[in-house]
Amino acid sequence: MALSADSMSVGVYRDYEMPRSTTFSDILRQAINTDGRSLYRLALDSGVDVAVWQRFVAEERDVRLATAERMARALGLELRPVSKKGGATR
């Protein structure tokens, strides 16, 4: 995705370019949709019940942070703190 100088700013997370206003839930759902594995397989790989995956994808419920971490890890994503200035902390 190429952006001109006057277009919105983007944040890159894994191989995705998304507007900075995109939520983590949006990023997680995008990763689920592009992963290629079934929700059942993701459930097995993450240890998170398949019904939780199904309700999250259908936007019927949110997940707790600990669950989101397990889901993200199964998708090859990483959660990490970001400083108030916008840079990742180490």
C-alpha atoms as a PDB file:
ATOM      1  CA  MET A   1       0.000   0.000   0.000  1.00  0.00           C
ATOM      2  CA  ALA A   2       1.644   3.202  -1.112  1.00  0.00           C
ATOM      3  CA  LEU A   3       0.675   6.433   0.590  1.00  0.00           C
ATOM      4  CA  SER A   4       1.227   9.953  -0.611  1.00  0.00           C
ATOM      5  CA  ALA A   5       2.615  12.652   1.672  1.00  0.00           C
ATOM      6  CA  ASP A   6      -0.842  14.142   2.172  1.00  0.00           C
ATOM      7  CA  SER A   7      -2.581  10.859   3.018  1.00  0.00           C
ATOM      8  CA  MET A   8      -3.196   9.557   6.529  1.00  0.00           C
ATOM      9  CA  SER A   9      -0.325   8.321   8.652  1.00  0.00           C
ATOM     10  CA  VAL A  10       0.039   4.590   8.998  1.00  0.00           C
ATOM     11  CA  GLY A  11       1.350   2.166  11.557  1.00  0.00           C
ATOM     12  CA  VAL A  12       2.892  -1.094  10.403  1.00  0.00           C
ATOM     13  CA  TYR A  13       2.175  -4.213  12.438  1.00  0.00           C
ATOM     14  CA  ARG A  14       3.620  -7.453  11.147  1.00  0.00           C
ATOM     15  CA  ASP A  15       3.044  -7.192   7.378  1.00  0.00           C
ATOM     16  CA  TYR A  16       0.026  -4.909   7.583  1.00  0.00           C
ATOM     17  CA  GLU A  17      -0.189  -1.197   6.928  1.00  0.00           C
ATOM     18  CA  MET A  18      -3.096   0.247   8.849  1.00  0.00           C
ATOM     19  CA  PRO A  19      -4.234   3.722   9.830  1.00  0.00           C
ATOM     20  CA  ARG A  20      -3.065   4.700  13.293  1.00  0.00           C
ATOM     21  CA  SER A  21      -6.710   4.887  14.396  1.00  0.00           C
ATOM     22  CA  THR A  22      -7.061   1.144  13.778  1.00  0.00           C
ATOM     23  CA  THR A  23      -7.687  -0.765  16.995  1.00  0.00           C
ATOM     24  CA  PHE A  24      -5.834  -3.855  18.101  1.00  0.00           C
ATOM     25  CA  SER A  25      -9.084  -5.794  17.645  1.00  0.00           C
ATOM     26  CA  ASP A  26      -9.157  -4.668  13.995  1.00  0.00           C
ATOM     27  CA  ILE A  27      -5.560  -5.809  13.521  1.00  0.00           C
ATOM     28  CA  LEU A  28      -6.275  -9.133  15.183  1.00  0.00           C
ATOM     29  CA  ARG A  29      -9.372  -9.722  13.038  1.00  0.00           C
ATOM     30  CA  GLN A  30      -7.396  -8.839   9.878  1.00  0.00           C
ATOM     31  CA  ALA A  31      -4.686 -11.313  10.872  1.00  0.00           C
ATOM     32  CA  ILE A  32      -7.307 -14.009  11.467  1.00  0.00           C
ATOM     33  CA  ASN A  33      -8.885 -13.373   8.063  1.00  0.00           C
ATOM     34  CA  THR A  34      -5.565 -13.555   6.213  1.00  0.00           C
ATOM     35  CA  ASP A  35      -3.957 -16.374   8.206  1.00  0.00           C
ATOM     36  CA  GLY A  36      -5.368 -19.247   6.183  1.00  0.00           C
ATOM     37  CA  ARG A  37      -5.957 -21.563   9.146  1.00  0.00           C
ATOM     38  CA  SER A  38      -9.445 -22.477  10.306  1.00  0.00           C
ATOM     39  CA  LEU A  39     -10.728 -21.056  13.569  1.00  0.00           C
ATOM     40  CA  TYR A  40     -10.669 -24.602  14.897  1.00  0.00           C
ATOM     41  CA  ARG A  41      -6.944 -24.902  14.069  1.00  0.00           C
ATOM     42  CA  LEU A  42      -6.237 -21.488  15.616  1.00  0.00           C
ATOM     43  CA  ALA A  43      -8.110 -22.603  18.726  1.00  0.00           C
ATOM     44  CA  LEU A  44      -5.943 -25.713  18.988  1.00  0.00           C
ATOM     45  CA  ASP A  45      -2.747 -23.726  18.369  1.00  0.00           C
ATOM     46  CA  SER A  46      -3.619 -21.040  20.932  1.00  0.00           C
ATOM     47  CA  GLY A  47      -5.431 -22.964  23.636  1.00  0.00           C
ATOM     48  CA  VAL A  48      -8.337 -20.524  23.307  1.00  0.00           C
ATOM     49  CA  ASP A  49     -11.749 -22.146  22.860  1.00  0.00           C
ATOM     50  CA  VAL A  50     -13.049 -22.099  19.278  1.00  0.00           C
ATOM     51  CA  ALA A  51     -16.300 -20.449  20.453  1.00  0.00           C
ATOM     52  CA  VAL A  52     -14.258 -17.471  21.725  1.00  0.00           C
ATOM     53  CA  TRP A  53     -12.598 -17.147  18.304  1.00  0.00           C
ATOM     54  CA  GLN A  54     -15.978 -17.396  16.549  1.00  0.00           C
ATOM     55  CA  ARG A  55     -17.669 -14.770  18.725  1.00  0.00           C
ATOM     56  CA  PHE A  56     -14.665 -12.431  18.441  1.00  0.00           C
ATOM     57  CA  VAL A  57     -14.536 -12.689  14.627  1.00  0.00           C
ATOM     58  CA  ALA A  58     -18.300 -12.128  14.439  1.00  0.00           C
ATOM     59  CA  GLU A  59     -17.809  -9.029  16.643  1.00  0.00           C
ATOM     60  CA  GLU A  60     -20.228 -10.476  19.187  1.00  0.00           C
ATOM     61  CA  ARG A  61     -17.744 -10.104  22.040  1.00  0.00           C
ATOM     62  CA  ASP A  62     -14.385  -8.692  23.006  1.00  0.00           C
ATOM     63  CA  VAL A  63     -11.660 -10.715  24.669  1.00  0.00           C
ATOM     64  CA  ARG A  64      -9.595 -10.144  27.785  1.00  0.00           C
ATOM     65  CA  LEU A  65      -6.001  -9.047  27.375  1.00  0.00           C
ATOM     66  CA  ALA A  66      -4.607 -12.450  28.389  1.00  0.00           C
ATOM     67  CA  THR A  67      -6.785 -14.109  25.737  1.00  0.00           C
ATOM     68  CA  ALA A  68      -5.783 -11.530  23.125  1.00  0.00           C
ATOM     69  CA  GLU A  69      -2.129 -12.263  23.880  1.00  0.00           C
ATOM     70  CA  ARG A  70      -2.660 -15.994  23.289  1.00  0.00           C
ATOM     71  CA  MET A  71      -4.579 -15.311  20.081  1.00  0.00           C
ATOM     72  CA  ALA A  72      -1.937 -12.870  18.844  1.00  0.00           C
ATOM     73  CA  ARG A  73       0.882 -15.298  19.607  1.00  0.00           C
ATOM     74  CA  ALA A  74      -0.878 -18.028  17.594  1.00  0.00           C
ATOM     75  CA  LEU A  75      -1.095 -15.575  14.677  1.00  0.00           C
ATOM     76  CA  GLY A  76       2.561 -14.565  14.901  1.00  0.00           C
ATOM     77  CA  LEU A  77       1.782 -11.126  16.335  1.00  0.00           C
ATOM     78  CA  GLU A  78       3.405  -9.538  19.353  1.00  0.00           C
ATOM     79  CA  LEU A  79       1.913  -7.172  21.904  1.00  0.00           C
ATOM     80  CA  ARG A  80       4.378  -4.721  23.348  1.00  0.00           C
ATOM     81  CA  PRO A  81       4.154  -1.480  25.291  1.00  0.00           C
ATOM     82  CA  VAL A  82       4.423   1.787  23.391  1.00  0.00           C
ATOM     83  CA  SER A  83       5.649   5.006  24.955  1.00  0.00           C
ATOM     84  CA  LYS A  84       3.406   8.066  24.984  1.00  0.00           C
ATOM     85  CA  LYS A  85       5.646   9.522  22.273  1.00  0.00           C
ATOM     86  CA  GLY A  86       4.621   6.672  19.951  1.00  0.00           C
ATOM     87  CA  GLY A  87       7.797   4.591  19.962  1.00  0.00           C
ATOM     88  CA  ALA A  88       7.995   1.010  21.134  1.00  0.00           C
ATOM     89  CA  THR A  89       9.708   0.465  24.468  1.00  0.00           C
ATOM     90  CA  ARG A  90      12.260  -2.251  25.043  1.00  0.00           C
END
